[in-house]
């Protein structure tokens, strides 16, 4: 599960931190994102998903939504979470 979204320390976006800590299988997450029609840049230790807004997904499960609008970040988080959870649980 994830903590609620919060403004990141730089103020340039909103982040979600996994609680308890977890490690994501980025290959599985990437495949799940692509199956859902998202463009993904794989930078080995993180993924950059071309969603609206763009989101960075790190190996440690941290999600960074690149928007200053909390409602936009919240909607994007709600859309993305089932995809990530499905990939993490071994789902489709």
PDB file of N, CA and C in Angstrom:
ATOM      1  N   UNK A   1       0.828  -1.183   0.000  1.00  0.00           N
ATOM      2  CA  UNK A   1       0.000   0.000   0.000  1.00  0.00           C
ATOM      3  C   UNK A   1       0.874   1.250   0.000  1.00  0.00           C
ATOM      4  N   UNK A   2       0.305   2.338  -0.379  1.00  0.00           N
ATOM      5  CA  UNK A   2       1.024   3.607  -0.465  1.00  0.00           C
ATOM      6  C   UNK A   2       0.469   4.625   0.512  1.00  0.00           C
ATOM      7  N   UNK A   3       1.370   5.453   0.997  1.00  0.00           N
ATOM      8  CA  UNK A   3       0.941   6.617   1.763  1.00  0.00           C
ATOM      9  C   UNK A   3       0.220   7.547   0.801  1.00  0.00           C
ATOM     10  N   UNK A   4      -0.520   8.461   1.326  1.00  0.00           N
ATOM     11  CA  UNK A   4      -1.204   9.409   0.455  1.00  0.00           C
ATOM     12  C   UNK A   4      -0.187  10.284  -0.269  1.00  0.00           C
ATOM     13  N   UNK A   5      -0.632  10.897  -1.335  1.00  0.00           N
ATOM     14  CA  UNK A   5       0.238  11.786  -2.097  1.00  0.00           C
ATOM     15  C   UNK A   5       0.629  12.991  -1.260  1.00  0.00           C
ATOM     16  N   UNK A   6       1.860  13.420  -1.438  1.00  0.00           N
ATOM     17  CA  UNK A   6       2.310  14.637  -0.765  1.00  0.00           C
ATOM     18  C   UNK A   6       3.208  15.411  -1.713  1.00  0.00           C
ATOM     19  N   UNK A   7       3.265  16.706  -1.505  1.00  0.00           N
ATOM     20  CA  UNK A   7       4.131  17.560  -2.293  1.00  0.00           C
ATOM     21  C   UNK A   7       5.564  17.130  -2.050  1.00  0.00           C
ATOM     22  N   UNK A   8       6.334  16.924  -3.123  1.00  0.00           N
ATOM     23  CA  UNK A   8       7.719  16.494  -2.934  1.00  0.00           C
ATOM     24  C   UNK A   8       8.556  17.667  -2.423  1.00  0.00           C
ATOM     25  N   UNK A   9       9.737  17.364  -1.915  1.00  0.00           N
ATOM     26  CA  UNK A   9      10.562  18.372  -1.254  1.00  0.00           C
ATOM     27  C   UNK A   9      10.956  19.522  -2.175  1.00  0.00           C
ATOM     28  N   UNK A  10      11.092  19.258  -3.467  1.00  0.00           N
ATOM     29  CA  UNK A  10      11.461  20.332  -4.400  1.00  0.00           C
ATOM     30  C   UNK A  10      10.259  21.177  -4.798  1.00  0.00           C
ATOM     31  N   UNK A  11       9.055  20.686  -4.516  1.00  0.00           N
ATOM     32  CA  UNK A  11       7.840  21.405  -4.864  1.00  0.00           C
ATOM     33  C   UNK A  11       7.450  21.273  -6.326  1.00  0.00           C
ATOM     34  N   UNK A  12       8.165  20.434  -7.078  1.00  0.00           N
ATOM     35  CA  UNK A  12       7.893  20.300  -8.499  1.00  0.00           C
ATOM     36  C   UNK A  12       6.915  19.206  -8.866  1.00  0.00           C
ATOM     37  N   UNK A  13       6.417  18.505  -7.886  1.00  0.00           N
ATOM     38  CA  UNK A  13       5.496  17.425  -8.171  1.00  0.00           C
ATOM     39  C   UNK A  13       4.970  16.818  -6.888  1.00  0.00           C
ATOM     40  N   UNK A  14       4.212  15.742  -7.052  1.00  0.00           N
ATOM     41  CA  UNK A  14       3.655  15.027  -5.915  1.00  0.00           C
ATOM     42  C   UNK A  14       4.219  13.624  -5.914  1.00  0.00           C
ATOM     43  N   UNK A  15       4.472  13.094  -4.725  1.00  0.00           N
ATOM     44  CA  UNK A  15       5.046  11.765  -4.623  1.00  0.00           C
ATOM     45  C   UNK A  15       4.193  10.867  -3.748  1.00  0.00           C
ATOM     46  N   UNK A  16       4.281   9.585  -4.057  1.00  0.00           N
ATOM     47  CA  UNK A  16       3.664   8.546  -3.241  1.00  0.00           C
ATOM     48  C   UNK A  16       4.793   7.611  -2.829  1.00  0.00           C
ATOM     49  N   UNK A  17       4.844   7.318  -1.538  1.00  0.00           N
ATOM     50  CA  UNK A  17       5.893   6.470  -0.975  1.00  0.00           C
ATOM     51  C   UNK A  17       5.237   5.181  -0.489  1.00  0.00           C
ATOM     52  N   UNK A  18       5.802   4.015  -0.867  1.00  0.00           N
ATOM     53  CA  UNK A  18       5.210   2.763  -0.395  1.00  0.00           C
ATOM     54  C   UNK A  18       5.397   2.592   1.113  1.00  0.00           C
ATOM     55  N   UNK A  19       4.366   2.073   1.755  1.00  0.00           N
ATOM     56  CA  UNK A  19       4.425   1.815   3.185  1.00  0.00           C
ATOM     57  C   UNK A  19       3.681   0.525   3.460  1.00  0.00           C
ATOM     58  N   UNK A  20       4.353  -0.556   3.771  1.00  0.00           N
ATOM     59  CA  UNK A  20       5.769  -0.659   4.092  1.00  0.00           C
ATOM     60  C   UNK A  20       6.621  -0.589   2.833  1.00  0.00           C
ATOM     61  N   UNK A  21       7.937  -0.374   3.024  1.00  0.00           N
ATOM     62  CA  UNK A  21       8.842  -0.305   1.867  1.00  0.00           C
ATOM     63  C   UNK A  21       8.725  -1.557   1.002  1.00  0.00           C
ATOM     64  N   UNK A  22       8.926  -1.374  -0.293  1.00  0.00           N
ATOM     65  CA  UNK A  22       8.835  -2.504  -1.214  1.00  0.00           C
ATOM     66  C   UNK A  22       9.772  -2.283  -2.381  1.00  0.00           C
ATOM     67  N   UNK A  23      10.071  -3.328  -3.075  1.00  0.00           N
ATOM     68  CA  UNK A  23      10.898  -3.254  -4.270  1.00  0.00           C
ATOM     69  C   UNK A  23      10.032  -3.706  -5.440  1.00  0.00           C
ATOM     70  N   UNK A  24      10.014  -2.920  -6.501  1.00  0.00           N
ATOM     71  CA  UNK A  24       9.209  -3.255  -7.679  1.00  0.00           C
ATOM     72  C   UNK A  24      10.054  -3.974  -8.717  1.00  0.00           C
ATOM     73  N   UNK A  25       9.447  -4.919  -9.398  1.00  0.00           N
ATOM     74  CA  UNK A  25      10.063  -5.556 -10.561  1.00  0.00           C
ATOM     75  C   UNK A  25       9.737  -4.650 -11.746  1.00  0.00           C
ATOM     76  N   UNK A  26      10.678  -3.792 -12.097  1.00  0.00           N
ATOM     77  CA  UNK A  26      10.408  -2.779 -13.126  1.00  0.00           C
ATOM     78  C   UNK A  26      10.112  -3.388 -14.488  1.00  0.00           C
ATOM     79  N   UNK A  27      10.653  -4.559 -14.777  1.00  0.00           N
ATOM     80  CA  UNK A  27      10.324  -5.198 -16.070  1.00  0.00           C
ATOM     81  C   UNK A  27       8.840  -5.535 -16.130  1.00  0.00           C
ATOM     82  N   UNK A  28       8.304  -6.062 -15.038  1.00  0.00           N
ATOM     83  CA  UNK A  28       6.883  -6.406 -15.007  1.00  0.00           C
ATOM     84  C   UNK A  28       6.012  -5.153 -15.032  1.00  0.00           C
ATOM     85  N   UNK A  29       6.432  -4.137 -14.279  1.00  0.00           N
ATOM     86  CA  UNK A  29       5.666  -2.881 -14.258  1.00  0.00           C
ATOM     87  C   UNK A  29       5.673  -2.251 -15.646  1.00  0.00           C
ATOM     88  N   UNK A  30       6.833  -2.261 -16.302  1.00  0.00           N
ATOM     89  CA  UNK A  30       6.910  -1.689 -17.650  1.00  0.00           C
ATOM     90  C   UNK A  30       5.954  -2.418 -18.594  1.00  0.00           C
ATOM     91  N   UNK A  31       5.973  -3.736 -18.559  1.00  0.00           N
ATOM     92  CA  UNK A  31       5.088  -4.517 -19.436  1.00  0.00           C
ATOM     93  C   UNK A  31       3.621  -4.186 -19.153  1.00  0.00           C
ATOM     94  N   UNK A  32       3.268  -4.060 -17.876  1.00  0.00           N
ATOM     95  CA  UNK A  32       1.879  -3.745 -17.520  1.00  0.00           C
ATOM     96  C   UNK A  32       1.487  -2.350 -18.004  1.00  0.00           C
ATOM     97  N   UNK A  33       2.386  -1.397 -17.858  1.00  0.00           N
ATOM     98  CA  UNK A  33       2.102  -0.039 -18.334  1.00  0.00           C
ATOM     99  C   UNK A  33       1.913  -0.017 -19.844  1.00  0.00           C
ATOM    100  N   UNK A  34       2.795  -0.722 -20.560  1.00  0.00           N
ATOM    101  CA  UNK A  34       2.692  -0.756 -22.019  1.00  0.00           C
ATOM    102  C   UNK A  34       1.411  -1.449 -22.468  1.00  0.00           C
ATOM    103  N   UNK A  35       1.006  -2.496 -21.762  1.00  0.00           N
ATOM    104  CA  UNK A  35      -0.269  -3.165 -22.089  1.00  0.00           C
ATOM    105  C   UNK A  35      -1.446  -2.215 -21.901  1.00  0.00           C
ATOM    106  N   UNK A  36      -1.281  -1.238 -21.036  1.00  0.00           N
ATOM    107  CA  UNK A  36      -2.327  -0.245 -20.790  1.00  0.00           C
ATOM    108  C   UNK A  36      -2.167   0.987 -21.677  1.00  0.00           C
ATOM    109  N   UNK A  37      -1.326   0.877 -22.705  1.00  0.00           N
ATOM    110  CA  UNK A  37      -1.217   1.926 -23.702  1.00  0.00           C
ATOM    111  C   UNK A  37      -0.304   3.092 -23.353  1.00  0.00           C
ATOM    112  N   UNK A  38       0.532   2.941 -22.329  1.00  0.00           N
ATOM    113  CA  UNK A  38       1.428   4.036 -21.963  1.00  0.00           C
ATOM    114  C   UNK A  38       2.802   3.853 -22.594  1.00  0.00           C
ATOM    115  N   UNK A  39       3.372   4.968 -23.034  1.00  0.00           N
ATOM    116  CA  UNK A  39       4.761   4.959 -23.487  1.00  0.00           C
ATOM    117  C   UNK A  39       5.645   4.932 -22.243  1.00  0.00           C
ATOM    118  N   UNK A  40       6.708   4.128 -22.284  1.00  0.00           N
ATOM    119  CA  UNK A  40       7.576   3.994 -21.114  1.00  0.00           C
ATOM    120  C   UNK A  40       9.034   4.104 -21.540  1.00  0.00           C
ATOM    121  N   UNK A  41       9.780   4.938 -20.838  1.00  0.00           N
ATOM    122  CA  UNK A  41      11.229   4.998 -20.995  1.00  0.00           C
ATOM    123  C   UNK A  41      11.816   4.211 -19.834  1.00  0.00           C
ATOM    124  N   UNK A  42      12.631   3.221 -20.156  1.00  0.00           N
ATOM    125  CA  UNK A  42      13.242   2.371 -19.139  1.00  0.00           C
ATOM    126  C   UNK A  42      14.669   2.852 -18.898  1.00  0.00           C
ATOM    127  N   UNK A  43      14.923   3.425 -17.730  1.00  0.00           N
ATOM    128  CA  UNK A  43      16.249   3.924 -17.378  1.00  0.00           C
ATOM    129  C   UNK A  43      16.920   2.981 -16.378  1.00  0.00           C
ATOM    130  N   UNK A  44      16.595   1.716 -16.437  1.00  0.00           N
ATOM    131  CA  UNK A  44      17.105   0.633 -15.603  1.00  0.00           C
ATOM    132  C   UNK A  44      16.695   0.721 -14.143  1.00  0.00           C
ATOM    133  N   UNK A  45      17.003   1.801 -13.451  1.00  0.00           N
ATOM    134  CA  UNK A  45      16.655   1.923 -12.032  1.00  0.00           C
ATOM    135  C   UNK A  45      15.342   2.657 -11.838  1.00  0.00           C
ATOM    136  N   UNK A  46      14.761   3.145 -12.936  1.00  0.00           N
ATOM    137  CA  UNK A  46      13.473   3.812 -12.876  1.00  0.00           C
ATOM    138  C   UNK A  46      12.799   3.759 -14.233  1.00  0.00           C
ATOM    139  N   UNK A  47      11.491   3.931 -14.205  1.00  0.00           N
ATOM    140  CA  UNK A  47      10.698   4.029 -15.424  1.00  0.00           C
ATOM    141  C   UNK A  47      10.106   5.425 -15.487  1.00  0.00           C
ATOM    142  N   UNK A  48       9.973   5.946 -16.694  1.00  0.00           N
ATOM    143  CA  UNK A  48       9.294   7.214 -16.907  1.00  0.00           C
ATOM    144  C   UNK A  48       8.115   6.918 -17.818  1.00  0.00           C
ATOM    145  N   UNK A  49       6.922   7.061 -17.259  1.00  0.00           N
ATOM    146  CA  UNK A  49       5.706   6.730 -18.004  1.00  0.00           C
ATOM    147  C   UNK A  49       5.121   8.003 -18.600  1.00  0.00           C
ATOM    148  N   UNK A  50       4.835   7.947 -19.883  1.00  0.00           N
ATOM    149  CA  UNK A  50       4.286   9.085 -20.606  1.00  0.00           C
ATOM    150  C   UNK A  50       2.798   9.224 -20.402  1.00  0.00           C
ATOM    151  N   UNK A  51       2.394   9.337 -19.163  1.00  0.00           N
ATOM    152  CA  UNK A  51       0.982   9.541 -18.850  1.00  0.00           C
ATOM    153  C   UNK A  51       0.732  11.037 -18.683  1.00  0.00           C
ATOM    154  N   UNK A  52      -0.472  11.382 -18.325  1.00  0.00           N
ATOM    155  CA  UNK A  52      -0.782  12.787 -18.073  1.00  0.00           C
ATOM    156  C   UNK A  52      -1.230  12.918 -16.632  1.00  0.00           C
ATOM    157  N   UNK A  53      -0.366  13.384 -15.760  1.00  0.00           N
ATOM    158  CA  UNK A  53       0.976  13.906 -15.981  1.00  0.00           C
ATOM    159  C   UNK A  53       2.006  12.774 -16.067  1.00  0.00           C
ATOM    160  N   UNK A  54       3.193  13.133 -16.529  1.00  0.00           N
ATOM    161  CA  UNK A  54       4.288  12.168 -16.560  1.00  0.00           C
ATOM    162  C   UNK A  54       4.576  11.687 -15.137  1.00  0.00           C
ATOM    163  N   UNK A  55       4.923  10.410 -15.016  1.00  0.00           N
ATOM    164  CA  UNK A  55       5.238   9.856 -13.700  1.00  0.00           C
ATOM    165  C   UNK A  55       6.535   9.065 -13.777  1.00  0.00           C
ATOM    166  N   UNK A  56       7.352   9.227 -12.751  1.00  0.00           N
ATOM    167  CA  UNK A  56       8.587   8.462 -12.610  1.00  0.00           C
ATOM    168  C   UNK A  56       8.350   7.404 -11.546  1.00  0.00           C
ATOM    169  N   UNK A  57       8.728   6.166 -11.869  1.00  0.00           N
ATOM    170  CA  UNK A  57       8.527   5.031 -10.975  1.00  0.00           C
ATOM    171  C   UNK A  57       9.903   4.459 -10.667  1.00  0.00           C
ATOM    172  N   UNK A  58      10.286   4.477  -9.400  1.00  0.00           N
ATOM    173  CA  UNK A  58      11.614   3.986  -9.035  1.00  0.00           C
ATOM    174  C   UNK A  58      11.544   2.546  -8.547  1.00  0.00           C
ATOM    175  N   UNK A  59      12.702   1.892  -8.513  1.00  0.00           N
ATOM    176  CA  UNK A  59      12.788   0.506  -8.060  1.00  0.00           C
ATOM    177  C   UNK A  59      12.265   0.350  -6.642  1.00  0.00           C
ATOM    178  N   UNK A  60      12.445   1.359  -5.827  1.00  0.00           N
ATOM    179  CA  UNK A  60      12.004   1.266  -4.435  1.00  0.00           C
ATOM    180  C   UNK A  60      10.513   1.559  -4.278  1.00  0.00           C
ATOM    181  N   UNK A  61       9.799   1.696  -5.406  1.00  0.00           N
ATOM    182  CA  UNK A  61       8.359   1.870  -5.382  1.00  0.00           C
ATOM    183  C   UNK A  61       7.876   3.302  -5.303  1.00  0.00           C
ATOM    184  N   UNK A  62       8.787   4.252  -5.196  1.00  0.00           N
ATOM    185  CA  UNK A  62       8.399   5.671  -5.122  1.00  0.00           C
ATOM    186  C   UNK A  62       7.828   6.111  -6.459  1.00  0.00           C
ATOM    187  N   UNK A  63       6.712   6.827  -6.413  1.00  0.00           N
ATOM    188  CA  UNK A  63       6.072   7.364  -7.612  1.00  0.00           C
ATOM    189  C   UNK A  63       6.143   8.880  -7.533  1.00  0.00           C
ATOM    190  N   UNK A  64       6.598   9.508  -8.593  1.00  0.00           N
ATOM    191  CA  UNK A  64       6.684  10.964  -8.635  1.00  0.00           C
ATOM    192  C   UNK A  64       5.863  11.468  -9.816  1.00  0.00           C
ATOM    193  N   UNK A  65       4.804  12.203  -9.507  1.00  0.00           N
ATOM    194  CA  UNK A  65       3.909  12.758 -10.516  1.00  0.00           C
ATOM    195  C   UNK A  65       4.332  14.188 -10.799  1.00  0.00           C
ATOM    196  N   UNK A  66       4.662  14.477 -12.046  1.00  0.00           N
ATOM    197  CA  UNK A  66       5.208  15.783 -12.407  1.00  0.00           C
ATOM    198  C   UNK A  66       4.100  16.779 -12.732  1.00  0.00           C
ATOM    199  N   UNK A  67       3.492  17.265 -11.668  1.00  0.00           N
ATOM    200  CA  UNK A  67       2.442  18.269 -11.768  1.00  0.00           C
ATOM    201  C   UNK A  67       2.405  19.057 -10.469  1.00  0.00           C
ATOM    202  N   UNK A  68       1.984  20.291 -10.555  1.00  0.00           N
ATOM    203  CA  UNK A  68       1.821  21.093  -9.338  1.00  0.00           C
ATOM    204  C   UNK A  68       0.364  21.110  -8.875  1.00  0.00           C
ATOM    205  N   UNK A  69      -0.497  20.411  -9.599  1.00  0.00           N
ATOM    206  CA  UNK A  69      -1.921  20.370  -9.272  1.00  0.00           C
ATOM    207  C   UNK A  69      -2.247  19.097  -8.480  1.00  0.00           C
ATOM    208  N   UNK A  70      -2.650  19.226  -7.226  1.00  0.00           N
ATOM    209  CA  UNK A  70      -2.913  18.029  -6.424  1.00  0.00           C
ATOM    210  C   UNK A  70      -4.047  17.159  -6.968  1.00  0.00           C
ATOM    211  N   UNK A  71      -5.063  17.745  -7.567  1.00  0.00           N
ATOM    212  CA  UNK A  71      -6.172  16.952  -8.110  1.00  0.00           C
ATOM    213  C   UNK A  71      -5.720  16.128  -9.312  1.00  0.00           C
ATOM    214  N   UNK A  72      -4.888  16.717 -10.156  1.00  0.00           N
ATOM    215  CA  UNK A  72      -4.353  15.988 -11.308  1.00  0.00           C
ATOM    216  C   UNK A  72      -3.494  14.824 -10.834  1.00  0.00           C
ATOM    217  N   UNK A  73      -2.661  15.056  -9.834  1.00  0.00           N
ATOM    218  CA  UNK A  73      -1.807  13.996  -9.286  1.00  0.00           C
ATOM    219  C   UNK A  73      -2.659  12.888  -8.683  1.00  0.00           C
ATOM    220  N   UNK A  74      -3.696  13.253  -7.968  1.00  0.00           N
ATOM    221  CA  UNK A  74      -4.562  12.267  -7.332  1.00  0.00           C
ATOM    222  C   UNK A  74      -5.267  11.392  -8.365  1.00  0.00           C
ATOM    223  N   UNK A  75      -5.771  11.994  -9.430  1.00  0.00           N
ATOM    224  CA  UNK A  75      -6.436  11.214 -10.493  1.00  0.00           C
ATOM    225  C   UNK A  75      -5.441  10.276 -11.173  1.00  0.00           C
ATOM    226  N   UNK A  76      -4.238  10.774 -11.449  1.00  0.00           N
ATOM    227  CA  UNK A  76      -3.219   9.939 -12.097  1.00  0.00           C
ATOM    228  C   UNK A  76      -2.818   8.780 -11.185  1.00  0.00           C
ATOM    229  N   UNK A  77      -2.684   9.050  -9.895  1.00  0.00           N
ATOM    230  CA  UNK A  77      -2.340   8.013  -8.928  1.00  0.00           C
ATOM    231  C   UNK A  77      -3.423   6.937  -8.899  1.00  0.00           C
ATOM    232  N   UNK A  78      -4.675   7.344  -8.898  1.00  0.00           N
ATOM    233  CA  UNK A  78      -5.794   6.395  -8.870  1.00  0.00           C
ATOM    234  C   UNK A  78      -5.808   5.511 -10.119  1.00  0.00           C
ATOM    235  N   UNK A  79      -5.427   6.063 -11.280  1.00  0.00           N
ATOM    236  CA  UNK A  79      -5.375   5.274 -12.520  1.00  0.00           C
ATOM    237  C   UNK A  79      -4.176   4.337 -12.540  1.00  0.00           C
ATOM    238  N   UNK A  80      -3.049   4.785 -12.012  1.00  0.00           N
ATOM    239  CA  UNK A  80      -1.801   4.040 -12.104  1.00  0.00           C
ATOM    240  C   UNK A  80      -1.686   2.936 -11.057  1.00  0.00           C
ATOM    241  N   UNK A  81      -2.206   3.155  -9.876  1.00  0.00           N
ATOM    242  CA  UNK A  81      -2.027   2.202  -8.780  1.00  0.00           C
ATOM    243  C   UNK A  81      -2.493   0.784  -9.120  1.00  0.00           C
ATOM    244  N   UNK A  82      -3.667   0.584  -9.708  1.00  0.00           N
ATOM    245  CA  UNK A  82      -4.073  -0.798 -10.023  1.00  0.00           C
ATOM    246  C   UNK A  82      -3.118  -1.489 -10.999  1.00  0.00           C
ATOM    247  N   UNK A  83      -2.541  -0.735 -11.917  1.00  0.00           N
ATOM    248  CA  UNK A  83      -1.603  -1.309 -12.878  1.00  0.00           C
ATOM    249  C   UNK A  83      -0.340  -1.784 -12.160  1.00  0.00           C
ATOM    250  N   UNK A  84       0.180  -0.934 -11.285  1.00  0.00           N
ATOM    251  CA  UNK A  84       1.396  -1.287 -10.543  1.00  0.00           C
ATOM    252  C   UNK A  84       1.128  -2.435  -9.579  1.00  0.00           C
ATOM    253  N   UNK A  85       0.013  -2.369  -8.875  1.00  0.00           N
ATOM    254  CA  UNK A  85      -0.326  -3.436  -7.937  1.00  0.00           C
ATOM    255  C   UNK A  85      -0.496  -4.759  -8.661  1.00  0.00           C
ATOM    256  N   UNK A  86      -1.149  -4.738  -9.812  1.00  0.00           N
ATOM    257  CA  UNK A  86      -1.320  -5.965 -10.604  1.00  0.00           C
ATOM    258  C   UNK A  86      -0.004  -6.564 -11.053  1.00  0.00           C
ATOM    259  N   UNK A  87       0.929  -5.708 -11.458  1.00  0.00           N
ATOM    260  CA  UNK A  87       2.243  -6.184 -11.887  1.00  0.00           C
ATOM    261  C   UNK A  87       3.026  -6.711 -10.696  1.00  0.00           C
ATOM    262  N   UNK A  88       2.870  -6.089  -9.540  1.00  0.00           N
ATOM    263  CA  UNK A  88       3.601  -6.505  -8.342  1.00  0.00           C
ATOM    264  C   UNK A  88       3.074  -7.811  -7.778  1.00  0.00           C
ATOM    265  N   UNK A  89       1.779  -8.063  -7.958  1.00  0.00           N
ATOM    266  CA  UNK A  89       1.162  -9.270  -7.428  1.00  0.00           C
ATOM    267  C   UNK A  89       1.230 -10.431  -8.415  1.00  0.00           C
ATOM    268  N   UNK A  90       1.868 -10.186  -9.549  1.00  0.00           N
ATOM    269  CA  UNK A  90       1.948 -11.234 -10.551  1.00  0.00           C
ATOM    270  C   UNK A  90       0.736 -11.308 -11.440  1.00  0.00           C
ATOM    271  N   UNK A  91      -0.098 -10.266 -11.386  1.00  0.00           N
ATOM    272  CA  UNK A  91      -1.318 -10.232 -12.201  1.00  0.00           C
ATOM    273  C   UNK A  91      -1.009  -9.915 -13.640  1.00  0.00           C
ATOM    274  N   UNK A  92      -2.047  -9.794 -14.481  1.00  0.00           N
ATOM    275  CA  UNK A  92      -1.856  -9.540 -15.915  1.00  0.00           C
ATOM    276  C   UNK A  92      -1.249  -8.207 -16.205  1.00  0.00           C
TER     277      UNK A  92
END
